[in-house]
N, C-alpha and C. Protein backbone atom coordinates (compact mmCIF):
# COMPACT_ATOMS: atom_id res chain seq x y z
N GLY A 1 1.20 -4.06 19.05
CA GLY A 1 1.91 -4.71 17.87
C GLY A 1 1.15 -5.47 17.19
N SER A 2 1.24 -7.11 17.48
CA SER A 2 0.69 -7.97 16.38
C SER A 2 -1.06 -7.46 16.15
N ALA A 3 -1.78 -7.05 17.44
CA ALA A 3 -3.40 -6.43 16.64
C ALA A 3 -3.36 -5.63 15.78
N TYR A 4 -2.20 -4.58 15.80
CA TYR A 4 -2.21 -3.70 14.54
C TYR A 4 -1.85 -3.91 13.61
N VAL A 5 -0.74 -5.07 13.61
CA VAL A 5 -0.63 -5.63 11.80
C VAL A 5 -1.43 -6.41 11.55
N LEU A 6 -2.39 -7.24 12.42
CA LEU A 6 -3.25 -7.88 12.06
C LEU A 6 -4.39 -7.18 11.55
N GLY A 7 -4.89 -5.86 12.15
CA GLY A 7 -6.11 -5.05 11.47
C GLY A 7 -5.31 -4.26 10.06
N TYR A 8 -3.93 -4.13 10.00
CA TYR A 8 -3.42 -3.49 8.83
C TYR A 8 -3.68 -4.33 7.75
N VAL A 9 -2.94 -5.47 8.05
CA VAL A 9 -2.64 -6.86 7.06
C VAL A 9 -4.21 -7.36 6.33
N GLY A 10 -5.39 -7.20 7.49
CA GLY A 10 -6.56 -7.81 7.14
C GLY A 10 -7.50 -6.85 6.50
N SER A 11 -7.06 -5.65 6.89
CA SER A 11 -7.65 -4.58 5.84
C SER A 11 -7.21 -4.49 4.37
N TYR A 12 -6.05 -4.61 3.96
CA TYR A 12 -5.11 -4.75 2.92
C TYR A 12 -5.85 -5.76 2.30
N THR A 13 -5.87 -7.16 3.01
CA THR A 13 -6.46 -8.26 2.32
C THR A 13 -7.94 -7.99 1.91
N VAL A 14 -8.95 -7.44 2.49
CA VAL A 14 -10.09 -7.25 2.12
C VAL A 14 -10.59 -6.55 1.02
N ILE A 15 -9.68 -5.32 1.17
CA ILE A 15 -9.79 -4.28 -0.06
C ILE A 15 -9.20 -4.96 -1.13
N GLY A 16 -8.14 -5.74 -1.25
CA GLY A 16 -7.46 -6.18 -2.43
C GLY A 16 -8.61 -7.16 -3.04
N VAL A 17 -8.84 -8.37 -2.29
CA VAL A 17 -9.78 -9.20 -2.58
C VAL A 17 -11.09 -8.57 -3.43
N ALA A 18 -11.59 -7.87 -2.41
CA ALA A 18 -13.00 -7.28 -2.77
C ALA A 18 -12.70 -6.42 -4.04
N VAL A 19 -11.69 -5.51 -4.45
CA VAL A 19 -11.27 -4.98 -5.44
C VAL A 19 -11.36 -6.23 -6.66
N VAL A 20 -10.62 -7.53 -6.61
CA VAL A 20 -10.41 -7.80 -7.72
C VAL A 20 -11.70 -8.79 -7.94
N LEU A 21 -12.64 -9.17 -6.84
CA LEU A 21 -13.78 -9.87 -7.13
C LEU A 21 -14.91 -8.91 -7.98
N VAL A 22 -15.02 -7.45 -7.38
CA VAL A 22 -15.64 -6.49 -8.36
C VAL A 22 -15.44 -6.36 -9.47
N GLY A 23 -13.88 -6.13 -9.91
CA GLY A 23 -13.31 -6.10 -11.22
C GLY A 23 -13.92 -7.19 -12.06
N TYR A 24 -13.75 -8.58 -11.44
CA TYR A 24 -13.97 -9.66 -12.10
C TYR A 24 -15.54 -9.67 -12.68
N ARG A 25 -16.30 -9.29 -11.72
CA ARG A 25 -17.68 -9.40 -11.86
C ARG A 25 -18.09 -8.27 -12.81
N VAL A 26 -17.36 -7.32 -13.13
CA VAL A 26 -17.99 -5.79 -13.98
C VAL A 26 -17.37 -6.49 -15.77
N ALA A 27 -15.94 -7.00 -15.28
CA ALA A 27 -15.54 -7.72 -16.83
C ALA A 27 -16.37 -8.64 -17.55
N GLU A 28 -16.88 -9.61 -16.58
CA GLU A 28 -17.59 -10.63 -16.73
C GLU A 28 -19.23 -10.32 -17.39
N ASN A 29 -19.81 -9.29 -16.89
CA ASN A 29 -20.93 -8.62 -17.36
C ASN A 29 -20.84 -7.78 -18.50
N ARG A 30 -19.79 -7.45 -18.88
CA ARG A 30 -19.24 -6.67 -20.35
C ARG A 30 -19.48 -7.35 -21.61
N SER A 31 -19.79 -6.94 -22.31
CA SER A 31 -19.92 -7.29 -23.55
C SER A 31 -18.49 -7.38 -24.34
N GLY A 32 -18.34 -7.88 -25.17
CA GLY A 32 -16.90 -8.12 -25.99
C GLY A 32 -16.19 -6.51 -26.57
N GLU A 33 -16.67 -5.58 -26.13
CA GLU A 33 -16.25 -4.30 -26.73
C GLU A 33 -15.29 -3.98 -25.18
N PRO A 34 -13.97 -3.26 -25.98
CA PRO A 34 -12.96 -2.96 -24.80
C PRO A 34 -13.59 -1.43 -24.30
N GLY A 35 -13.42 -1.56 -22.88
CA GLY A 35 -14.26 -0.47 -22.37
C GLY A 35 -12.93 0.90 -21.98
N LYS A 36 -13.51 1.87 -21.35
CA LYS A 36 -12.42 2.93 -21.38
C LYS A 36 -12.40 3.43 -20.02
N MET A 37 -13.29 2.74 -19.04
CA MET A 37 -13.16 2.94 -17.84
C MET A 37 -12.13 2.45 -16.87
N VAL A 38 -11.38 1.49 -17.13
CA VAL A 38 -9.99 1.13 -16.57
C VAL A 38 -8.88 2.15 -16.65
N PRO A 39 -8.58 2.44 -18.23
CA PRO A 39 -7.70 3.31 -18.79
C PRO A 39 -8.11 4.73 -17.96
N ILE A 40 -9.31 5.18 -17.84
CA ILE A 40 -9.42 6.54 -17.26
C ILE A 40 -9.23 6.32 -15.99
N LEU A 41 -9.30 5.26 -15.14
CA LEU A 41 -8.95 5.01 -13.90
C LEU A 41 -7.59 4.94 -13.76
N LEU A 42 -7.11 4.68 -14.29
CA LEU A 42 -5.43 4.25 -14.42
C LEU A 42 -4.96 5.84 -14.65
N VAL A 43 -5.38 6.56 -15.59
CA VAL A 43 -4.95 7.74 -15.53
C VAL A 43 -4.99 8.68 -14.30
N ILE A 44 -6.62 8.46 -13.71
CA ILE A 44 -6.69 9.01 -12.63
C ILE A 44 -5.57 8.81 -11.56
N LEU A 45 -5.60 7.59 -11.10
CA LEU A 45 -4.50 7.18 -10.19
C LEU A 45 -3.33 7.40 -10.45
N GLY A 46 -2.71 7.78 -11.90
CA GLY A 46 -1.27 7.91 -12.15
C GLY A 46 -1.54 9.46 -11.58
N LEU A 47 -2.03 10.44 -12.14
CA LEU A 47 -2.01 11.42 -11.99
C LEU A 47 -2.50 11.77 -10.36
N LEU A 48 -3.19 11.31 -9.41
CA LEU A 48 -3.11 11.34 -8.17
C LEU A 48 -1.70 10.84 -7.44
N LEU A 49 -0.98 10.00 -8.02
CA LEU A 49 0.43 9.43 -7.49
C LEU A 49 1.47 10.50 -7.85
N LEU A 50 1.23 11.35 -8.86
CA LEU A 50 2.08 12.05 -9.38
C LEU A 50 1.63 13.75 -8.54
N TRP A 51 0.50 13.77 -8.21
CA TRP A 51 0.17 14.82 -7.19
C TRP A 51 1.04 14.60 -5.93
N VAL A 52 1.00 13.45 -5.43
CA VAL A 52 1.31 13.00 -4.07
C VAL A 52 2.80 13.30 -4.01
N THR A 53 3.39 12.85 -5.22
CA THR A 53 5.04 12.89 -5.43
C THR A 53 5.35 14.54 -5.34
N GLN A 54 4.56 15.12 -6.38
CA GLN A 54 4.98 16.96 -6.11
C GLN A 54 4.74 17.14 -4.45
N ARG A 55 3.56 16.81 -3.88
CA ARG A 55 3.31 17.55 -2.96
C ARG A 55 4.54 16.65 -1.39
N ASN A 56 4.64 15.76 -1.98
CA ASN A 56 6.21 15.43 -0.67
C ASN A 56 7.54 16.44 -1.26
N TRP A 57 7.66 16.34 -2.55
CA TRP A 57 8.86 17.20 -2.76
C TRP A 57 8.87 18.40 -2.65
N ARG A 58 7.71 19.34 -2.68
CA ARG A 58 7.84 20.38 -2.31
C ARG A 58 7.70 20.65 -0.70
N LYS A 59 7.26 19.70 -0.21
CA LYS A 59 7.44 20.01 1.51
C LYS A 59 8.91 19.86 1.75
N PRO A 60 9.04 20.82 2.70
CA PRO A 60 10.79 20.78 3.13
C PRO A 60 10.94 19.62 4.08
N PRO A 61 12.10 19.64 4.02
CA PRO A 61 12.46 18.31 5.20
C PRO A 61 12.22 18.62 6.16
N SER A 62 11.96 17.77 7.22
CA SER A 62 11.73 18.10 8.63
C SER A 62 13.10 18.15 9.01
N GLU A 63 13.02 19.13 9.66
CA GLU A 63 14.44 19.61 10.52
C GLU A 63 14.35 18.98 12.17
N ASN A 64 13.49 18.61 12.64
CA ASN A 64 13.37 17.96 13.83
C ASN A 64 13.52 16.24 13.53
N ASN A 65 14.02 15.75 14.54
CA ASN A 65 14.37 14.26 14.42
C ASN A 65 13.71 13.49 15.02
N GLU A 66 12.35 13.99 15.08
CA GLU A 66 11.37 13.51 16.10
C GLU A 66 10.99 12.01 15.38
N SER A 67 10.21 11.01 16.05
CA SER A 67 9.55 9.82 15.49
C SER A 67 8.32 10.15 14.98
N PRO A 68 8.03 9.32 13.86
CA PRO A 68 6.69 9.59 13.08
C PRO A 68 5.37 9.44 14.28
N ARG A 69 4.34 10.26 14.10
CA ARG A 69 3.42 10.30 14.97
C ARG A 69 2.69 8.88 15.26
N LEU A 70 2.89 7.96 13.79
CA LEU A 70 2.25 6.47 14.17
C LEU A 70 3.17 5.71 15.09
N PHE A 71 4.70 5.83 15.66
CA PHE A 71 5.26 5.31 16.38
C PHE A 71 4.97 5.57 17.74
N LYS A 72 4.77 7.05 17.75
CA LYS A 72 3.98 7.31 19.43
C LYS A 72 2.74 6.60 19.70
N ILE A 73 1.93 6.86 18.54
CA ILE A 73 0.52 6.48 18.97
C ILE A 73 0.41 4.71 19.09
N ILE A 74 1.39 4.18 18.79
CA ILE A 74 1.15 2.86 18.91
C ILE A 74 1.87 2.05 20.15
N ASP A 75 2.77 2.88 20.48
CA ASP A 75 3.68 2.73 21.73
C ASP A 75 2.63 2.70 23.03
N GLY A 76 1.40 2.79 22.99
CA GLY A 76 0.48 2.94 24.45
C GLY A 76 -0.63 2.52 23.82
N ILE A 77 -0.80 2.17 23.12
CA ILE A 77 -2.34 1.60 22.59
C ILE A 77 -2.89 0.08 23.14
N THR A 78 -4.07 0.11 23.72
CA THR A 78 -4.46 -1.38 24.27
C THR A 78 -5.07 -2.40 22.66
N PRO A 79 -4.65 -3.71 22.85
CA PRO A 79 -4.96 -4.84 21.77
C PRO A 79 -6.23 -4.35 20.71
N PHE A 80 -7.33 -4.37 21.30
CA PHE A 80 -8.32 -4.09 20.48
C PHE A 80 -8.13 -2.71 19.58
N LYS A 81 -7.71 -1.67 20.37
CA LYS A 81 -7.72 -0.29 19.64
C LYS A 81 -6.85 -0.47 18.38
N ALA A 82 -5.36 -1.34 18.74
CA ALA A 82 -4.52 -1.33 17.91
C ALA A 82 -5.33 -2.20 16.48
N LEU A 83 -5.95 -3.03 16.86
CA LEU A 83 -6.44 -3.99 15.40
C LEU A 83 -7.33 -2.93 14.77
N ALA A 84 -7.97 -1.88 15.34
CA ALA A 84 -9.18 -1.12 14.99
C ALA A 84 -8.25 0.05 14.44
N PHE A 85 -7.17 0.36 14.90
CA PHE A 85 -6.25 1.60 14.48
C PHE A 85 -5.63 1.25 12.84
N GLY A 86 -5.29 0.04 13.18
CA GLY A 86 -4.27 -0.68 11.83
C GLY A 86 -5.60 -0.59 10.50
N ALA A 87 -6.93 -1.20 11.07
CA ALA A 87 -7.50 -1.14 9.97
C ALA A 87 -7.78 0.35 9.43
N VAL A 88 -8.07 1.31 10.30
CA VAL A 88 -8.47 2.58 10.03
C VAL A 88 -7.16 3.20 9.26
N VAL A 89 -5.84 3.00 9.53
CA VAL A 89 -4.77 3.66 9.03
C VAL A 89 -4.64 3.11 7.31
N THR A 90 -5.01 1.80 7.39
CA THR A 90 -5.16 1.26 5.50
C THR A 90 -5.99 2.47 5.05
N VAL A 91 -6.96 2.81 5.24
CA VAL A 91 -7.89 3.31 4.63
C VAL A 91 -7.67 4.98 4.57
N ILE A 92 -7.16 5.60 5.54
CA ILE A 92 -7.04 7.03 5.64
C ILE A 92 -5.46 7.48 4.82
N ASN A 93 -4.54 6.20 5.09
CA ASN A 93 -3.39 6.54 4.57
C ASN A 93 -3.41 6.70 2.98
N PHE A 94 -3.96 7.68 2.13
CA PHE A 94 -4.07 7.35 1.17
C PHE A 94 -3.19 7.13 0.07
N LYS A 95 -1.99 7.89 0.38
CA LYS A 95 -0.94 7.40 -0.51
C LYS A 95 -0.66 5.60 -0.64
N ASN A 96 -0.53 5.32 0.51
CA ASN A 96 0.04 4.00 0.60
C ASN A 96 -1.22 3.01 0.00
N LEU A 97 -2.70 3.71 0.25
CA LEU A 97 -3.75 2.77 -0.26
C LEU A 97 -3.48 2.96 -1.98
N ALA A 98 -3.46 4.35 -2.56
CA ALA A 98 -3.05 4.26 -3.74
C ALA A 98 -2.01 3.47 -4.29
N ILE A 99 -1.09 2.94 -3.73
CA ILE A 99 0.20 2.46 -4.33
C ILE A 99 -0.17 0.89 -4.21
N PHE A 100 -0.83 0.48 -3.59
CA PHE A 100 -1.66 -0.54 -3.28
C PHE A 100 -2.25 -1.09 -3.76
N LEU A 101 -3.34 -0.21 -4.32
CA LEU A 101 -4.20 -0.44 -5.35
C LEU A 101 -3.81 -0.21 -6.94
N SER A 102 -2.78 0.11 -7.15
CA SER A 102 -1.99 0.27 -8.10
C SER A 102 -1.33 -0.99 -8.24
N ALA A 103 -0.96 -1.64 -7.53
CA ALA A 103 -0.26 -2.85 -7.64
C ALA A 103 -1.26 -4.02 -7.43
N VAL A 104 -2.87 -3.96 -7.01
CA VAL A 104 -3.86 -4.83 -7.54
C VAL A 104 -4.03 -4.59 -8.86
N SER A 105 -4.06 -3.51 -9.37
CA SER A 105 -4.60 -3.31 -10.84
C SER A 105 -3.71 -4.24 -11.88
N ILE A 106 -2.84 -4.60 -11.51
CA ILE A 106 -1.67 -5.50 -12.41
C ILE A 106 -2.60 -6.90 -12.42
N PRO A 107 -2.53 -7.75 -11.64
CA PRO A 107 -3.68 -8.99 -11.75
C PRO A 107 -5.30 -8.72 -12.21
N LEU A 108 -5.88 -7.65 -11.75
CA LEU A 108 -7.14 -7.46 -11.83
C LEU A 108 -7.13 -7.34 -13.68
N LEU A 109 -6.34 -6.48 -14.34
CA LEU A 109 -6.35 -6.07 -15.51
C LEU A 109 -5.67 -7.60 -16.49
N SER A 110 -5.20 -8.20 -15.95
CA SER A 110 -4.92 -9.38 -16.43
C SER A 110 -5.86 -10.61 -17.12
N ASP A 111 -5.45 -11.36 -17.89
CA ASP A 111 -6.44 -12.46 -18.54
C ASP A 111 -6.31 -13.81 -17.47
N LEU A 112 -5.85 -13.52 -16.39
CA LEU A 112 -5.82 -14.78 -15.43
C LEU A 112 -7.04 -15.20 -14.75
N PRO A 113 -6.99 -16.39 -14.46
CA PRO A 113 -8.45 -17.07 -14.01
C PRO A 113 -8.46 -16.22 -12.87
N LEU A 114 -9.63 -16.00 -12.03
CA LEU A 114 -10.15 -15.31 -10.84
C LEU A 114 -9.28 -16.04 -9.58
N ILE A 115 -8.74 -17.12 -9.24
CA ILE A 115 -8.42 -17.78 -8.25
C ILE A 115 -7.22 -17.47 -8.53
N LEU A 116 -6.37 -17.02 -9.52
CA LEU A 116 -5.11 -16.91 -9.67
C LEU A 116 -5.08 -15.78 -9.38
N LYS A 117 -5.75 -14.58 -9.62
CA LYS A 117 -5.69 -13.33 -9.34
C LYS A 117 -5.79 -12.66 -8.01
N ILE A 118 -6.65 -13.77 -7.31
CA ILE A 118 -6.80 -13.51 -5.76
C ILE A 118 -5.57 -14.26 -4.88
N VAL A 119 -4.87 -15.06 -5.26
CA VAL A 119 -3.82 -15.21 -4.92
C VAL A 119 -2.60 -14.39 -5.12
N ILE A 120 -2.44 -14.14 -6.22
CA ILE A 120 -1.55 -12.67 -6.47
C ILE A 120 -2.10 -11.59 -5.76
N VAL A 121 -3.05 -11.18 -5.49
CA VAL A 121 -3.39 -9.99 -4.51
C VAL A 121 -3.01 -10.31 -3.29
N LEU A 122 -2.93 -11.60 -2.83
CA LEU A 122 -2.71 -12.12 -1.41
C LEU A 122 -1.21 -11.82 -1.14
N LEU A 123 -0.42 -12.34 -2.28
CA LEU A 123 0.88 -12.10 -2.05
C LEU A 123 1.28 -10.66 -2.14
N ASP A 124 0.43 -10.03 -3.01
CA ASP A 124 0.84 -8.19 -3.10
C ASP A 124 0.81 -7.74 -1.39
N VAL A 125 -0.37 -8.28 -0.65
CA VAL A 125 -0.75 -7.75 0.47
C VAL A 125 0.71 -8.42 1.29
N LEU A 126 1.11 -9.33 1.36
CA LEU A 126 2.40 -9.83 1.96
C LEU A 126 3.58 -9.20 1.61
N VAL A 127 4.24 -8.80 0.56
CA VAL A 127 5.01 -7.92 0.10
C VAL A 127 4.69 -6.36 0.56
N PHE A 128 3.36 -6.13 0.29
CA PHE A 128 3.02 -4.45 0.60
C PHE A 128 3.14 -4.25 2.14
N CYS A 129 2.72 -5.16 3.01
CA CYS A 129 2.98 -5.34 4.55
C CYS A 129 4.14 -5.52 4.99
N ALA A 130 5.04 -5.99 4.46
CA ALA A 130 5.90 -6.71 5.21
C ALA A 130 6.96 -6.07 5.88
N PHE A 131 7.06 -4.62 5.73
CA PHE A 131 7.36 -3.68 6.89
C PHE A 131 6.76 -3.67 7.90
N VAL A 132 5.49 -4.05 8.12
CA VAL A 132 4.35 -4.07 9.11
C VAL A 132 4.61 -5.40 9.98
N ILE A 133 4.94 -6.35 9.09
CA ILE A 133 4.92 -8.18 9.36
C ILE A 133 6.38 -8.18 9.98
N ALA A 134 7.28 -7.58 9.38
CA ALA A 134 8.74 -7.84 9.61
C ALA A 134 8.97 -7.99 11.01
N PRO A 135 8.62 -6.71 11.60
CA PRO A 135 9.26 -6.52 13.05
C PRO A 135 8.32 -7.47 14.31
N VAL A 136 7.25 -7.93 13.40
CA VAL A 136 6.74 -8.90 14.61
C VAL A 136 7.59 -10.12 14.50
N ILE A 137 7.47 -10.54 13.09
CA ILE A 137 8.38 -11.75 13.25
C ILE A 137 9.81 -11.76 13.98
N ILE A 138 10.68 -10.66 13.53
CA ILE A 138 11.86 -10.33 14.02
C ILE A 138 11.77 -10.35 15.54
N TYR A 139 10.84 -9.86 16.49
CA TYR A 139 10.77 -9.80 17.87
C TYR A 139 10.28 -11.13 18.19
N VAL A 140 9.73 -11.90 17.45
CA VAL A 140 9.40 -13.49 17.78
C VAL A 140 10.40 -14.35 17.64
N ALA A 141 11.20 -14.24 16.57
CA ALA A 141 12.34 -15.14 16.06
C ALA A 141 13.55 -15.01 17.25
N PHE A 142 13.85 -13.50 17.05
CA PHE A 142 14.86 -12.97 17.80
C PHE A 142 14.75 -12.00 18.95
N PRO A 143 14.22 -12.51 20.16
CA PRO A 143 13.75 -11.50 20.98
C PRO A 143 14.98 -11.19 21.65
N LYS A 144 16.18 -11.48 21.88
CA LYS A 144 17.45 -11.05 22.42
C LYS A 144 17.79 -9.84 21.39
N LYS A 145 17.77 -10.07 20.26
CA LYS A 145 18.38 -8.82 19.07
C LYS A 145 17.46 -8.10 18.67
N ALA A 146 16.11 -8.15 18.71
CA ALA A 146 15.11 -7.67 18.12
C ALA A 146 15.23 -6.37 18.47
N SER A 147 15.12 -5.58 19.76
CA SER A 147 15.21 -4.13 19.90
C SER A 147 15.97 -3.58 19.18
N GLU A 148 17.64 -4.18 19.11
CA GLU A 148 18.75 -3.33 18.47
C GLU A 148 18.34 -3.34 16.89
N TRP A 149 18.03 -4.43 16.30
CA TRP A 149 17.67 -4.48 15.03
C TRP A 149 16.56 -3.66 14.53
N LEU A 150 15.28 -3.58 15.35
CA LEU A 150 14.10 -2.84 14.92
C LEU A 150 14.52 -1.37 14.90
N SER A 151 15.40 -0.77 15.92
CA SER A 151 15.77 0.55 16.43
C SER A 151 16.42 0.64 14.97
N TRP A 152 17.57 -0.07 14.55
CA TRP A 152 18.27 0.20 13.18
C TRP A 152 17.10 0.49 12.31
N ILE A 153 16.05 -0.56 11.79
CA ILE A 153 15.38 -0.05 10.70
C ILE A 153 14.74 0.92 11.06
N LYS A 154 13.94 1.38 12.14
CA LYS A 154 13.49 2.52 12.37
C LYS A 154 14.18 3.51 11.94
N GLN A 155 15.28 4.02 12.65
CA GLN A 155 16.27 4.94 11.96
C GLN A 155 16.31 5.04 10.76
N THR A 156 16.65 3.87 9.89
CA THR A 156 16.90 4.00 8.53
C THR A 156 15.61 4.51 7.90
N LEU A 157 14.65 4.19 8.05
CA LEU A 157 13.33 4.54 7.55
C LEU A 157 13.04 5.92 7.86
N GLU A 158 13.17 6.52 9.07
CA GLU A 158 13.26 7.68 9.36
C GLU A 158 14.22 8.50 8.78
N ARG A 159 15.54 8.30 8.63
CA ARG A 159 16.54 8.78 7.44
C ARG A 159 15.90 9.00 5.87
N ASN A 160 15.34 8.05 5.49
CA ASN A 160 14.90 7.67 4.42
C ASN A 160 13.96 8.14 3.62
N SER A 161 12.74 8.77 4.72
CA SER A 161 11.31 8.61 4.55
C SER A 161 11.13 9.27 3.50
N ARG A 162 11.91 10.66 3.48
CA ARG A 162 11.56 11.75 2.10
C ARG A 162 11.70 11.29 0.69
N PRO A 163 13.18 10.66 0.54
CA PRO A 163 13.12 9.69 -0.52
C PRO A 163 12.06 9.10 -1.09
N ILE A 164 11.76 7.93 0.17
CA ILE A 164 10.91 7.17 -0.45
C ILE A 164 9.40 7.51 -0.79
N GLY A 165 8.89 8.90 0.13
CA GLY A 165 8.26 9.38 -0.34
C GLY A 165 7.74 9.84 -1.58
N ILE A 166 9.25 10.30 -2.28
CA ILE A 166 9.08 11.02 -3.39
C ILE A 166 9.02 9.88 -4.68
N TRP A 167 10.23 9.14 -4.66
CA TRP A 167 10.26 7.98 -5.38
C TRP A 167 9.38 7.17 -5.78
N VAL A 168 8.57 6.18 -4.86
CA VAL A 168 7.87 5.36 -4.73
C VAL A 168 6.47 6.16 -5.47
N PRO A 169 5.72 7.20 -5.17
CA PRO A 169 4.71 7.45 -5.85
C PRO A 169 5.20 8.10 -7.53
N LEU A 170 6.33 8.56 -7.53
CA LEU A 170 6.65 9.17 -8.62
C LEU A 170 6.63 8.08 -9.89
N ILE A 171 7.40 6.46 -9.30
CA ILE A 171 7.28 5.61 -10.33
C ILE A 171 6.09 5.08 -10.83
N PHE A 172 5.36 4.63 -9.59
CA PHE A 172 4.07 4.28 -10.02
C PHE A 172 3.26 5.14 -10.53
N GLY A 173 2.89 6.29 -10.02
CA GLY A 173 2.32 7.32 -10.95
C GLY A 173 2.71 7.50 -12.36
N LEU A 174 3.76 7.54 -13.07
CA LEU A 174 4.16 7.58 -14.14
C LEU A 174 4.05 6.04 -15.04
N ILE A 175 4.16 4.87 -14.24
CA ILE A 175 3.58 3.48 -15.30
C ILE A 175 2.30 3.63 -15.31
N PHE A 176 1.52 4.28 -14.27
CA PHE A 176 -0.18 4.10 -14.48
C PHE A 176 -0.51 5.26 -15.55
N LEU A 177 -0.10 6.00 -15.75
CA LEU A 177 -0.34 7.06 -16.30
C LEU A 177 0.04 6.84 -17.56
N ILE A 178 1.20 6.06 -17.85
CA ILE A 178 1.35 5.49 -19.71
C ILE A 178 0.41 4.43 -19.66
N ARG A 179 0.51 3.50 -18.75
CA ARG A 179 -0.59 2.31 -18.91
C ARG A 179 -1.98 2.98 -19.83
N GLY A 180 -2.75 4.29 -18.81
CA GLY A 180 -4.12 4.47 -18.82
C GLY A 180 -3.96 5.10 -20.25
N ILE A 181 -2.88 5.98 -20.54
CA ILE A 181 -3.14 6.75 -22.02
C ILE A 181 -2.88 5.74 -22.65
N SER A 182 -1.91 5.06 -22.76
CA SER A 182 -2.14 3.71 -23.86
C SER A 182 -3.17 2.98 -24.11
N GLY A 183 -3.89 2.95 -22.80
CA GLY A 183 -5.24 2.28 -23.02
C GLY A 183 -6.62 2.79 -23.79
N LEU A 184 -6.30 4.18 -23.81
CA LEU A 184 -7.09 5.11 -24.15
C LEU A 184 -6.68 5.16 -25.84
N LEU A 185 -5.92 5.25 -26.11
CA LEU A 185 -5.45 5.48 -27.53
C LEU A 185 -5.98 3.93 -28.60
């Protein structure tokens, strides 16, 4: 549980802060002319998210009511392996990483000072990882009710995983495609 959360949240934190620092350095070293690299990256990211939407939409709904593989893997894992697994899941779960990078691009492209960009990215990490952090907080804060509440949350996510997998990348894909295209014009 908590080692997986630490690996997951830690990886998103490192990735988000690194993207902002690298983006800041690139912007700092640029001459005063507007570049086309960021709008091109936004178009590519938007297209990738729309591809994920299309793939999720075309995939037939699951007829078996099994728990996702992630839940099965986490149930029998050592703390060190859970930490490493949380870090690896961050990188190999391309759909979530693309959505996270979309959220990070907003402060990255703003004119805010570097420290505010990093603070916003850290808040993005907390919001983005809320569904991984929340079960640990529930378990610690309400040990007697935690099992019942977490079971309800798990069932709700399982029931709604298809719409979430379609609508979230669709919305972010359209936003970034529009922002990228408007930046190229």
